[in-house]
Amino acid sequence: MDGKPELSLIMPAYNEEDTIEEVVARVDRILNGTKLSYELIVVDDGSSDGTRMRALNHTQKNINSKVIGYNVLKFCGL
């Protein structure tokens, strides 16, 4: 993606390991169909399952997507 995107979509996710890849791929297909420049940002809200890794798998295939989040143990001071 060059420059600023025309559309930014932020998708929160928490413990969505079983569905995140399918949902992100579906949203990505829809956004691709709009012909707008876009960014799809998945925000992992401290999931304790494989949500972040599965979302990251998608970002390796699509430069318009990224995953952000935090380590829940560090956030809690552990």
Foldseek 3Di string as FASTA:
>chain_A
DPDDWPEEAEAEDAQPVPCLLVVVVVVVVVVVVVVTGYAYEYEYAQHPDCNQVSQVVVCVVPVRYDYHYDHVCVVVVD
